[in-house]
């Protein structure tokens, strides 16, 4: 079973990913976080195999959160998924 944590500041995005991922028999979502600081705590508690991480979030961005998760020497792999809607 592949254990996944979803990290995004938009609850609807997390819900969409959860729905898609949990339709697979070998994937389970073991946690969610709405910002990078919360992500570090959720990952420490849930020991996921994969973290789907947004970049732009309040409190702590996904880049710094990823740094800290990887530095903790856990087994989790971080996959950064993000969208930017900037005119410039």
C-alpha atoms as a PDB file:
ATOM      1  CA  UNK A   1       0.000   0.000   0.000  1.00  0.00           C
ATOM      2  CA  UNK A   2       1.365   3.424  -0.995  1.00  0.00           C
ATOM      3  CA  UNK A   3       0.805   5.984   1.766  1.00  0.00           C
ATOM      4  CA  UNK A   4       0.312   9.588   0.581  1.00  0.00           C
ATOM      5  CA  UNK A   5       0.092  12.989   2.301  1.00  0.00           C
ATOM      6  CA  UNK A   6      -1.575  15.868   0.425  1.00  0.00           C
ATOM      7  CA  UNK A   7      -0.334  19.417   1.040  1.00  0.00           C
ATOM      8  CA  UNK A   8      -2.149  22.381  -0.504  1.00  0.00           C
ATOM      9  CA  UNK A   9      -3.715  25.513   0.963  1.00  0.00           C
ATOM     10  CA  UNK A  10      -6.897  24.925  -1.048  1.00  0.00           C
ATOM     11  CA  UNK A  11      -9.190  22.310   0.495  1.00  0.00           C
ATOM     12  CA  UNK A  12     -10.898  21.665  -2.864  1.00  0.00           C
ATOM     13  CA  UNK A  13      -7.572  20.766  -4.478  1.00  0.00           C
ATOM     14  CA  UNK A  14      -6.799  18.329  -1.658  1.00  0.00           C
ATOM     15  CA  UNK A  15     -10.280  16.829  -1.945  1.00  0.00           C
ATOM     16  CA  UNK A  16      -9.853  16.331  -5.695  1.00  0.00           C
ATOM     17  CA  UNK A  17      -6.486  14.627  -5.308  1.00  0.00           C
ATOM     18  CA  UNK A  18      -7.865  12.469  -2.482  1.00  0.00           C
ATOM     19  CA  UNK A  19     -10.781  11.330  -4.658  1.00  0.00           C
ATOM     20  CA  UNK A  20      -8.495  10.454  -7.574  1.00  0.00           C
ATOM     21  CA  UNK A  21      -5.825   8.726  -5.507  1.00  0.00           C
ATOM     22  CA  UNK A  22      -8.163   6.724  -3.294  1.00  0.00           C
ATOM     23  CA  UNK A  23      -9.881   5.280  -6.369  1.00  0.00           C
ATOM     24  CA  UNK A  24      -6.720   3.164  -6.744  1.00  0.00           C
ATOM     25  CA  UNK A  25      -6.646  -0.038  -4.692  1.00  0.00           C
ATOM     26  CA  UNK A  26      -2.978   0.303  -3.726  1.00  0.00           C
ATOM     27  CA  UNK A  27      -2.965   3.980  -2.624  1.00  0.00           C
ATOM     28  CA  UNK A  28      -4.250   5.473   0.614  1.00  0.00           C
ATOM     29  CA  UNK A  29      -4.209   9.100   1.726  1.00  0.00           C
ATOM     30  CA  UNK A  30      -2.910   9.114   5.308  1.00  0.00           C
ATOM     31  CA  UNK A  31      -2.920  12.854   5.932  1.00  0.00           C
ATOM     32  CA  UNK A  32      -3.539  16.368   4.666  1.00  0.00           C
ATOM     33  CA  UNK A  33      -2.072  19.769   5.439  1.00  0.00           C
ATOM     34  CA  UNK A  34      -3.053  23.306   4.466  1.00  0.00           C
ATOM     35  CA  UNK A  35       0.394  24.885   4.825  1.00  0.00           C
ATOM     36  CA  UNK A  36       4.048  23.912   4.900  1.00  0.00           C
ATOM     37  CA  UNK A  37       4.440  24.046   8.695  1.00  0.00           C
ATOM     38  CA  UNK A  38       1.472  21.733   9.174  1.00  0.00           C
ATOM     39  CA  UNK A  39       2.895  19.442   6.471  1.00  0.00           C
ATOM     40  CA  UNK A  40       6.045  18.808   8.497  1.00  0.00           C
ATOM     41  CA  UNK A  41       3.955  17.713  11.481  1.00  0.00           C
ATOM     42  CA  UNK A  42       1.613  15.527   9.410  1.00  0.00           C
ATOM     43  CA  UNK A  43       4.526  13.804   7.667  1.00  0.00           C
ATOM     44  CA  UNK A  44       6.252  13.124  11.003  1.00  0.00           C
ATOM     45  CA  UNK A  45       3.058  11.558  12.410  1.00  0.00           C
ATOM     46  CA  UNK A  46       1.933   9.558   9.389  1.00  0.00           C
ATOM     47  CA  UNK A  47       5.192   8.308   7.801  1.00  0.00           C
ATOM     48  CA  UNK A  48       4.019   8.493   4.169  1.00  0.00           C
ATOM     49  CA  UNK A  49       5.838   7.098   1.167  1.00  0.00           C
ATOM     50  CA  UNK A  50       4.903  10.126  -0.973  1.00  0.00           C
ATOM     51  CA  UNK A  51       4.065  13.776  -0.225  1.00  0.00           C
ATOM     52  CA  UNK A  52       2.224  15.762  -2.909  1.00  0.00           C
ATOM     53  CA  UNK A  53       3.355  19.332  -2.128  1.00  0.00           C
ATOM     54  CA  UNK A  54       2.121  22.708  -3.344  1.00  0.00           C
ATOM     55  CA  UNK A  55       4.702  25.517  -3.601  1.00  0.00           C
ATOM     56  CA  UNK A  56       2.790  28.697  -2.758  1.00  0.00           C
ATOM     57  CA  UNK A  57       1.125  28.434   0.662  1.00  0.00           C
ATOM     58  CA  UNK A  58       0.730  30.566   3.774  1.00  0.00           C
ATOM     59  CA  UNK A  59       2.811  30.154   6.964  1.00  0.00           C
ATOM     60  CA  UNK A  60       5.607  28.200   5.207  1.00  0.00           C
ATOM     61  CA  UNK A  61       5.953  27.594   1.476  1.00  0.00           C
ATOM     62  CA  UNK A  62       6.386  24.176  -0.083  1.00  0.00           C
ATOM     63  CA  UNK A  63      10.072  24.708  -0.868  1.00  0.00           C
ATOM     64  CA  UNK A  64      11.060  25.252   2.775  1.00  0.00           C
ATOM     65  CA  UNK A  65       8.699  22.535   3.948  1.00  0.00           C
ATOM     66  CA  UNK A  66      10.281  20.093   1.481  1.00  0.00           C
ATOM     67  CA  UNK A  67      13.764  21.046   2.730  1.00  0.00           C
ATOM     68  CA  UNK A  68      12.792  20.257   6.295  1.00  0.00           C
ATOM     69  CA  UNK A  69      10.985  17.013   5.436  1.00  0.00           C
ATOM     70  CA  UNK A  70      13.977  15.733   3.448  1.00  0.00           C
ATOM     71  CA  UNK A  71      16.447  16.875   6.143  1.00  0.00           C
ATOM     72  CA  UNK A  72      14.559  14.828   8.736  1.00  0.00           C
ATOM     73  CA  UNK A  73      15.933  11.756   6.917  1.00  0.00           C
ATOM     74  CA  UNK A  74      12.524  10.175   6.534  1.00  0.00           C
ATOM     75  CA  UNK A  75      11.641   7.790   3.754  1.00  0.00           C
ATOM     76  CA  UNK A  76       9.068  10.117   2.161  1.00  0.00           C
ATOM     77  CA  UNK A  77       9.572  11.276  -1.389  1.00  0.00           C
ATOM     78  CA  UNK A  78       8.235  14.750  -2.145  1.00  0.00           C
ATOM     79  CA  UNK A  79       6.530  15.473  -5.451  1.00  0.00           C
ATOM     80  CA  UNK A  80       5.868  19.169  -6.007  1.00  0.00           C
ATOM     81  CA  UNK A  81       2.721  19.968  -7.966  1.00  0.00           C
ATOM     82  CA  UNK A  82       1.713  23.582  -8.397  1.00  0.00           C
ATOM     83  CA  UNK A  83       0.034  26.042 -10.726  1.00  0.00           C
ATOM     84  CA  UNK A  84       0.736  29.712 -11.190  1.00  0.00           C
ATOM     85  CA  UNK A  85      -1.735  32.172 -12.638  1.00  0.00           C
ATOM     86  CA  UNK A  86       0.483  35.225 -13.022  1.00  0.00           C
ATOM     87  CA  UNK A  87       0.243  37.633 -15.924  1.00  0.00           C
ATOM     88  CA  UNK A  88       3.919  38.603 -15.678  1.00  0.00           C
END
